Amino acid sequence: MAKDWLFREINRSYNAYGWRNREILYADDARRFIFAGHAAFTIQYFWLSREKNNFRVRESGTPDKYAVSVEGDNGHWTEIGIVDSSRLELQLNEGSGQPSKGRAITDFKYLLQSIKYPKEYFDLPDGFVVQHNGRCGRCNCQLKHPRSVAIGVCARCNRTLRSRWTSLVYKPPYSKEFLERQDERVREIVAKVKAKRTRREPRS
């Protein structure tokens, strides 16, 4: 466990790719950053699309509720909904004009899912890039220290934000019982299909 922690700390502070490109590498860092209060960042999922979408996540005045906005082609920002930081769920604003299955909303929901169900070592999915604008997600100061650049918040704000969150726990998106029920349903369906084929086959 200590080795895993040390590996992640080294990656955060000195990983050249993450530092130079202002990319957030880990799910717990992404959670701390986007719910810092004044986060601005870009999401791009290379495996699905070359499209980039710029987001802003701001405090809404209600505890654990944050307003999510996306930048349009004309440079104007549109609020697409409210995200619950405790449940990691996005409630869409129907009047935003953004399609619910569009790339922007899909990518943001995937980010929430990646935090809610982190990988074993808490790194974000391959090809899924979350890149901040070089400023602290809480106080908006210019980030200069390598570790601050890697996590998206300055050292002072990080001390405040770390106390707000419990550590993420690795958990698969589907429980063992759920997967067993799914396997049973598949076997039942296969058995029914075979039975139908048997009844349809002409007797010799």
C-alpha atoms as a PDB file:
ATOM      1  CA  MET A   1       0.000   0.000   0.000  1.00  0.00           C
ATOM      2  CA  ALA A   2       2.831   2.369   0.855  1.00  0.00           C
ATOM      3  CA  LYS A   3       4.474   1.640  -2.493  1.00  0.00           C
ATOM      4  CA  ASP A   4       1.239   2.471  -4.334  1.00  0.00           C
ATOM      5  CA  TRP A   5       0.966   5.773  -2.466  1.00  0.00           C
ATOM      6  CA  LEU A   6       4.578   6.647  -3.233  1.00  0.00           C
ATOM      7  CA  PHE A   7       4.144   5.756  -6.905  1.00  0.00           C
ATOM      8  CA  ARG A   8       1.120   8.025  -7.205  1.00  0.00           C
ATOM      9  CA  GLU A   9       2.895  10.888  -5.431  1.00  0.00           C
ATOM     10  CA  ILE A  10       5.837  10.620  -7.808  1.00  0.00           C
ATOM     11  CA  ASN A  11       3.478  10.568 -10.790  1.00  0.00           C
ATOM     12  CA  ARG A  12       1.571  13.612  -9.540  1.00  0.00           C
ATOM     13  CA  SER A  13       4.656  15.700  -8.895  1.00  0.00           C
ATOM     14  CA  TYR A  14       7.123  14.691 -11.560  1.00  0.00           C
ATOM     15  CA  ASN A  15       5.276  12.971 -14.381  1.00  0.00           C
ATOM     16  CA  ALA A  16       6.402  15.101 -17.289  1.00  0.00           C
ATOM     17  CA  TYR A  17       3.332  14.403 -19.402  1.00  0.00           C
ATOM     18  CA  GLY A  18       0.858  15.369 -16.700  1.00  0.00           C
ATOM     19  CA  TRP A  19       2.852  18.404 -15.615  1.00  0.00           C
ATOM     20  CA  ARG A  20       3.514  19.978 -18.989  1.00  0.00           C
ATOM     21  CA  ASN A  21       0.002  19.362 -20.269  1.00  0.00           C
ATOM     22  CA  ARG A  22      -1.799  20.265 -17.009  1.00  0.00           C
ATOM     23  CA  GLU A  23      -3.481  16.870 -17.122  1.00  0.00           C
ATOM     24  CA  ILE A  24      -5.091  15.417 -14.005  1.00  0.00           C
ATOM     25  CA  LEU A  25      -4.125  11.761 -13.762  1.00  0.00           C
ATOM     26  CA  TYR A  26      -6.094  10.360 -10.830  1.00  0.00           C
ATOM     27  CA  ALA A  27      -9.753  10.069  -9.863  1.00  0.00           C
ATOM     28  CA  ASP A  28      -9.347  11.496  -6.355  1.00  0.00           C
ATOM     29  CA  ASP A  29      -7.426  14.491  -7.729  1.00  0.00           C
ATOM     30  CA  ALA A  30     -10.163  15.021 -10.319  1.00  0.00           C
ATOM     31  CA  ARG A  31     -12.855  14.956  -7.630  1.00  0.00           C
ATOM     32  CA  ARG A  32     -10.968  17.445  -5.448  1.00  0.00           C
ATOM     33  CA  PHE A  33     -10.373  19.750  -8.407  1.00  0.00           C
ATOM     34  CA  ILE A  34     -13.783  19.835 -10.108  1.00  0.00           C
ATOM     35  CA  PHE A  35     -15.578  20.368  -6.786  1.00  0.00           C
ATOM     36  CA  ALA A  36     -13.104  22.968  -5.521  1.00  0.00           C
ATOM     37  CA  GLY A  37     -15.608  25.733  -6.290  1.00  0.00           C
ATOM     38  CA  HIS A  38     -14.270  27.516  -9.385  1.00  0.00           C
ATOM     39  CA  ALA A  39     -12.895  24.784 -11.639  1.00  0.00           C
ATOM     40  CA  ALA A  40     -12.344  25.343 -15.363  1.00  0.00           C
ATOM     41  CA  PHE A  41     -11.131  22.465 -17.494  1.00  0.00           C
ATOM     42  CA  THR A  42     -11.258  20.621 -20.808  1.00  0.00           C
ATOM     43  CA  ILE A  43     -12.327  17.025 -21.426  1.00  0.00           C
ATOM     44  CA  GLN A  44     -11.313  14.997 -24.446  1.00  0.00           C
ATOM     45  CA  TYR A  45     -11.832  11.258 -24.931  1.00  0.00           C
ATOM     46  CA  PHE A  46      -9.340  10.266 -27.616  1.00  0.00           C
ATOM     47  CA  TRP A  47     -10.745   6.778 -28.134  1.00  0.00           C
ATOM     48  CA  LEU A  48     -14.211   8.037 -29.053  1.00  0.00           C
ATOM     49  CA  SER A  49     -13.732  11.478 -30.528  1.00  0.00           C
ATOM     50  CA  ARG A  50     -11.218  14.238 -31.189  1.00  0.00           C
ATOM     51  CA  GLU A  51     -13.772  16.735 -29.927  1.00  0.00           C
ATOM     52  CA  LYS A  52     -12.777  18.870 -26.939  1.00  0.00           C
ATOM     53  CA  ASN A  53     -15.288  20.430 -24.569  1.00  0.00           C
ATOM     54  CA  ASN A  54     -14.581  23.193 -22.075  1.00  0.00           C
ATOM     55  CA  PHE A  55     -16.371  23.065 -18.711  1.00  0.00           C
ATOM     56  CA  ARG A  56     -16.803  25.270 -15.682  1.00  0.00           C
ATOM     57  CA  VAL A  57     -18.034  23.892 -12.360  1.00  0.00           C
ATOM     58  CA  ARG A  58     -19.080  26.529  -9.822  1.00  0.00           C
ATOM     59  CA  GLU A  59     -20.603  26.483  -6.351  1.00  0.00           C
ATOM     60  CA  SER A  60     -24.365  26.973  -6.551  1.00  0.00           C
ATOM     61  CA  GLY A  61     -24.949  28.219  -3.005  1.00  0.00           C
ATOM     62  CA  THR A  62     -26.479  24.890  -1.932  1.00  0.00           C
ATOM     63  CA  PRO A  63     -24.251  22.410  -0.070  1.00  0.00           C
ATOM     64  CA  ASP A  64     -22.878  19.640  -2.328  1.00  0.00           C
ATOM     65  CA  LYS A  65     -24.544  21.185  -5.397  1.00  0.00           C
ATOM     66  CA  TYR A  66     -22.467  22.640  -8.223  1.00  0.00           C
ATOM     67  CA  ALA A  67     -23.525  24.333 -11.454  1.00  0.00           C
ATOM     68  CA  VAL A  68     -21.979  22.850 -14.582  1.00  0.00           C
ATOM     69  CA  SER A  69     -21.528  24.986 -17.704  1.00  0.00           C
ATOM     70  CA  VAL A  70     -20.115  24.143 -21.112  1.00  0.00           C
ATOM     71  CA  GLU A  71     -18.652  26.523 -23.679  1.00  0.00           C
ATOM     72  CA  GLY A  72     -20.427  26.664 -27.024  1.00  0.00           C
ATOM     73  CA  ASP A  73     -18.973  27.202 -30.492  1.00  0.00           C
ATOM     74  CA  ASN A  74     -19.693  30.925 -30.229  1.00  0.00           C
ATOM     75  CA  GLY A  75     -17.725  31.268 -26.992  1.00  0.00           C
ATOM     76  CA  HIS A  76     -20.829  31.651 -24.820  1.00  0.00           C
ATOM     77  CA  TRP A  77     -21.264  29.511 -21.727  1.00  0.00           C
ATOM     78  CA  THR A  78     -24.430  27.497 -21.178  1.00  0.00           C
ATOM     79  CA  GLU A  79     -25.422  25.924 -17.876  1.00  0.00           C
ATOM     80  CA  ILE A  80     -26.226  22.284 -18.591  1.00  0.00           C
ATOM     81  CA  GLY A  81     -27.239  21.192 -15.101  1.00  0.00           C
ATOM     82  CA  ILE A  82     -26.459  20.705 -11.429  1.00  0.00           C
ATOM     83  CA  VAL A  83     -24.076  18.015 -10.192  1.00  0.00           C
ATOM     84  CA  ASP A  84     -24.346  16.470  -6.729  1.00  0.00           C
ATOM     85  CA  SER A  85     -20.791  16.081  -5.389  1.00  0.00           C
ATOM     86  CA  SER A  86     -21.806  13.473  -2.803  1.00  0.00           C
ATOM     87  CA  ARG A  87     -23.797  11.211  -5.137  1.00  0.00           C
ATOM     88  CA  LEU A  88     -21.776  12.116  -8.252  1.00  0.00           C
ATOM     89  CA  GLU A  89     -24.895  12.519 -10.354  1.00  0.00           C
ATOM     90  CA  LEU A  90     -25.736  15.185 -12.927  1.00  0.00           C
ATOM     91  CA  GLN A  91     -29.252  16.613 -13.085  1.00  0.00           C
ATOM     92  CA  LEU A  92     -29.664  18.096 -16.548  1.00  0.00           C
ATOM     93  CA  ASN A  93     -31.156  21.487 -17.282  1.00  0.00           C
ATOM     94  CA  GLU A  94     -33.752  20.808 -19.976  1.00  0.00           C
ATOM     95  CA  GLY A  95     -33.612  24.373 -21.230  1.00  0.00           C
ATOM     96  CA  SER A  96     -29.876  24.318 -21.932  1.00  0.00           C
ATOM     97  CA  GLY A  97     -30.283  23.264 -25.555  1.00  0.00           C
ATOM     98  CA  GLN A  98     -27.565  20.628 -25.159  1.00  0.00           C
ATOM     99  CA  PRO A  99     -28.527  17.115 -26.352  1.00  0.00           C
ATOM    100  CA  SER A 100     -28.612  14.661 -23.443  1.00  0.00           C
ATOM    101  CA  LYS A 101     -26.592  12.156 -25.476  1.00  0.00           C
ATOM    102  CA  GLY A 102     -24.223  14.729 -26.945  1.00  0.00           C
ATOM    103  CA  ARG A 103     -20.459  14.462 -26.575  1.00  0.00           C
ATOM    104  CA  ALA A 104     -20.184  17.142 -23.864  1.00  0.00           C
ATOM    105  CA  ILE A 105     -22.759  15.673 -21.477  1.00  0.00           C
ATOM    106  CA  THR A 106     -21.633  12.106 -22.179  1.00  0.00           C
ATOM    107  CA  ASP A 107     -17.999  12.958 -21.392  1.00  0.00           C
ATOM    108  CA  PHE A 108     -18.900  14.769 -18.164  1.00  0.00           C
ATOM    109  CA  LYS A 109     -21.044  11.859 -16.991  1.00  0.00           C
ATOM    110  CA  TYR A 110     -18.202   9.495 -17.809  1.00  0.00           C
ATOM    111  CA  LEU A 111     -15.894  11.611 -15.645  1.00  0.00           C
ATOM    112  CA  LEU A 112     -18.333  11.311 -12.742  1.00  0.00           C
ATOM    113  CA  GLN A 113     -18.565   7.557 -13.290  1.00  0.00           C
ATOM    114  CA  SER A 114     -14.768   7.265 -13.325  1.00  0.00           C
ATOM    115  CA  ILE A 115     -14.661   8.959  -9.909  1.00  0.00           C
ATOM    116  CA  LYS A 116     -17.569   6.976  -8.500  1.00  0.00           C
ATOM    117  CA  TYR A 117     -16.124   3.662  -9.675  1.00  0.00           C
ATOM    118  CA  PRO A 118     -12.361   4.256  -9.784  1.00  0.00           C
ATOM    119  CA  LYS A 119      -9.892   1.810 -11.241  1.00  0.00           C
ATOM    120  CA  GLU A 120      -7.759  -0.270  -8.900  1.00  0.00           C
ATOM    121  CA  TYR A 121      -4.947   2.303  -8.799  1.00  0.00           C
ATOM    122  CA  PHE A 122      -7.322   5.286  -9.143  1.00  0.00           C
ATOM    123  CA  ASP A 123      -5.915   6.424 -12.475  1.00  0.00           C
ATOM    124  CA  LEU A 124      -8.410   7.840 -14.948  1.00  0.00           C
ATOM    125  CA  PRO A 125      -9.290   5.687 -17.998  1.00  0.00           C
ATOM    126  CA  ASP A 126      -6.758   5.475 -20.812  1.00  0.00           C
ATOM    127  CA  GLY A 127      -7.356   8.074 -23.488  1.00  0.00           C
ATOM    128  CA  PHE A 128      -9.657  10.115 -21.242  1.00  0.00           C
ATOM    129  CA  VAL A 129      -7.962  13.476 -20.683  1.00  0.00           C
ATOM    130  CA  VAL A 130      -9.013  16.038 -18.067  1.00  0.00           C
ATOM    131  CA  GLN A 131      -6.914  19.156 -18.500  1.00  0.00           C
ATOM    132  CA  HIS A 132      -7.211  22.297 -16.358  1.00  0.00           C
ATOM    133  CA  ASN A 133      -6.361  25.832 -17.446  1.00  0.00           C
ATOM    134  CA  GLY A 134      -3.302  26.304 -15.223  1.00  0.00           C
ATOM    135  CA  ARG A 135      -5.191  28.036 -12.415  1.00  0.00           C
ATOM    136  CA  CYS A 136      -6.286  26.791  -9.014  1.00  0.00           C
ATOM    137  CA  GLY A 137      -9.773  25.314  -9.062  1.00  0.00           C
ATOM    138  CA  ARG A 138     -10.626  27.088  -5.793  1.00  0.00           C
ATOM    139  CA  CYS A 139      -8.899  30.489  -5.589  1.00  0.00           C
ATOM    140  CA  ASN A 140      -8.046  30.906  -9.302  1.00  0.00           C
ATOM    141  CA  CYS A 141      -4.382  31.744  -8.622  1.00  0.00           C
ATOM    142  CA  GLN A 142      -1.729  30.825 -11.204  1.00  0.00           C
ATOM    143  CA  LEU A 143      -0.279  27.392 -10.444  1.00  0.00           C
ATOM    144  CA  LYS A 144       3.524  27.188 -10.492  1.00  0.00           C
ATOM    145  CA  HIS A 145       4.668  24.306  -8.321  1.00  0.00           C
ATOM    146  CA  PRO A 146       4.792  20.977 -10.225  1.00  0.00           C
ATOM    147  CA  ARG A 147       2.594  19.128  -7.730  1.00  0.00           C
ATOM    148  CA  SER A 148       0.010  21.921  -7.711  1.00  0.00           C
ATOM    149  CA  VAL A 149      -0.058  21.845 -11.511  1.00  0.00           C
ATOM    150  CA  ALA A 150      -0.505  18.068 -11.402  1.00  0.00           C
ATOM    151  CA  ILE A 151      -3.559  18.162  -9.106  1.00  0.00           C
ATOM    152  CA  GLY A 152      -5.134  21.451 -10.239  1.00  0.00           C
ATOM    153  CA  VAL A 153      -5.166  23.263  -6.875  1.00  0.00           C
ATOM    154  CA  CYS A 154      -2.568  25.302  -4.996  1.00  0.00           C
ATOM    155  CA  ALA A 155      -0.940  24.032  -1.792  1.00  0.00           C
ATOM    156  CA  ARG A 156      -2.985  26.323   0.468  1.00  0.00           C
ATOM    157  CA  CYS A 157      -6.318  25.313  -1.024  1.00  0.00           C
ATOM    158  CA  ASN A 158      -5.283  21.660  -1.116  1.00  0.00           C
ATOM    159  CA  ARG A 159      -4.898  21.645   2.683  1.00  0.00           C
ATOM    160  CA  THR A 160      -8.467  22.925   2.983  1.00  0.00           C
ATOM    161  CA  LEU A 161      -9.991  20.642   0.353  1.00  0.00           C
ATOM    162  CA  ARG A 162      -8.331  17.422   1.519  1.00  0.00           C
ATOM    163  CA  SER A 163     -10.279  17.524   4.787  1.00  0.00           C
ATOM    164  CA  ARG A 164     -13.601  17.652   2.897  1.00  0.00           C
ATOM    165  CA  TRP A 165     -13.296  14.286   1.219  1.00  0.00           C
ATOM    166  CA  THR A 166     -12.902  10.731   2.388  1.00  0.00           C
ATOM    167  CA  SER A 167     -10.482   8.542   0.473  1.00  0.00           C
ATOM    168  CA  LEU A 168     -11.810   6.832  -2.619  1.00  0.00           C
ATOM    169  CA  VAL A 169     -12.249   3.082  -2.412  1.00  0.00           C
ATOM    170  CA  TYR A 170     -11.790   0.761  -5.356  1.00  0.00           C
ATOM    171  CA  LYS A 171     -15.083  -0.885  -6.209  1.00  0.00           C
ATOM    172  CA  PRO A 172     -16.156  -2.491  -9.479  1.00  0.00           C
ATOM    173  CA  PRO A 173     -19.262  -0.933 -11.070  1.00  0.00           C
ATOM    174  CA  TYR A 174     -21.075  -4.282 -10.785  1.00  0.00           C
ATOM    175  CA  SER A 175     -21.274  -6.510  -7.748  1.00  0.00           C
ATOM    176  CA  LYS A 176     -20.550 -10.226  -7.848  1.00  0.00           C
ATOM    177  CA  GLU A 177     -24.223 -10.989  -7.169  1.00  0.00           C
ATOM    178  CA  PHE A 178     -25.317  -8.786 -10.071  1.00  0.00           C
ATOM    179  CA  LEU A 179     -22.927 -10.503 -12.478  1.00  0.00           C
ATOM    180  CA  GLU A 180     -24.131 -13.921 -11.300  1.00  0.00           C
ATOM    181  CA  ARG A 181     -27.757 -12.914 -11.929  1.00  0.00           C
ATOM    182  CA  GLN A 182     -26.792 -11.671 -15.390  1.00  0.00           C
ATOM    183  CA  ASP A 183     -25.062 -14.971 -16.171  1.00  0.00           C
ATOM    184  CA  GLU A 184     -28.151 -16.859 -15.044  1.00  0.00           C
ATOM    185  CA  ARG A 185     -30.367 -14.729 -17.287  1.00  0.00           C
ATOM    186  CA  VAL A 186     -28.058 -15.361 -20.250  1.00  0.00           C
ATOM    187  CA  ARG A 187     -28.189 -19.113 -19.637  1.00  0.00           C
ATOM    188  CA  GLU A 188     -31.999 -18.985 -19.471  1.00  0.00           C
ATOM    189  CA  ILE A 189     -32.190 -17.070 -22.749  1.00  0.00           C
ATOM    190  CA  VAL A 190     -29.804 -19.497 -24.470  1.00  0.00           C
ATOM    191  CA  ALA A 191     -31.855 -22.452 -23.202  1.00  0.00           C
ATOM    192  CA  LYS A 192     -35.081 -20.918 -24.569  1.00  0.00           C
ATOM    193  CA  VAL A 193     -33.508 -20.249 -27.969  1.00  0.00           C
ATOM    194  CA  LYS A 194     -32.233 -23.824 -28.170  1.00  0.00           C
ATOM    195  CA  ALA A 195     -35.667 -25.158 -27.207  1.00  0.00           C
ATOM    196  CA  LYS A 196     -37.352 -23.109 -29.964  1.00  0.00           C
ATOM    197  CA  ARG A 197     -34.844 -24.316 -32.545  1.00  0.00           C
ATOM    198  CA  THR A 198     -35.437 -27.920 -31.476  1.00  0.00           C
ATOM    199  CA  ARG A 199     -39.232 -27.547 -31.921  1.00  0.00           C
ATOM    200  CA  ARG A 200     -38.790 -25.974 -35.373  1.00  0.00           C
ATOM    201  CA  GLU A 201     -36.432 -28.609 -36.726  1.00  0.00           C
ATOM    202  CA  PRO A 202     -38.321 -31.072 -38.994  1.00  0.00           C
ATOM    203  CA  ARG A 203     -38.324 -34.640 -37.889  1.00  0.00           C
ATOM    204  CA  SER A 204     -36.630 -37.079 -40.268  1.00  0.00           C
END
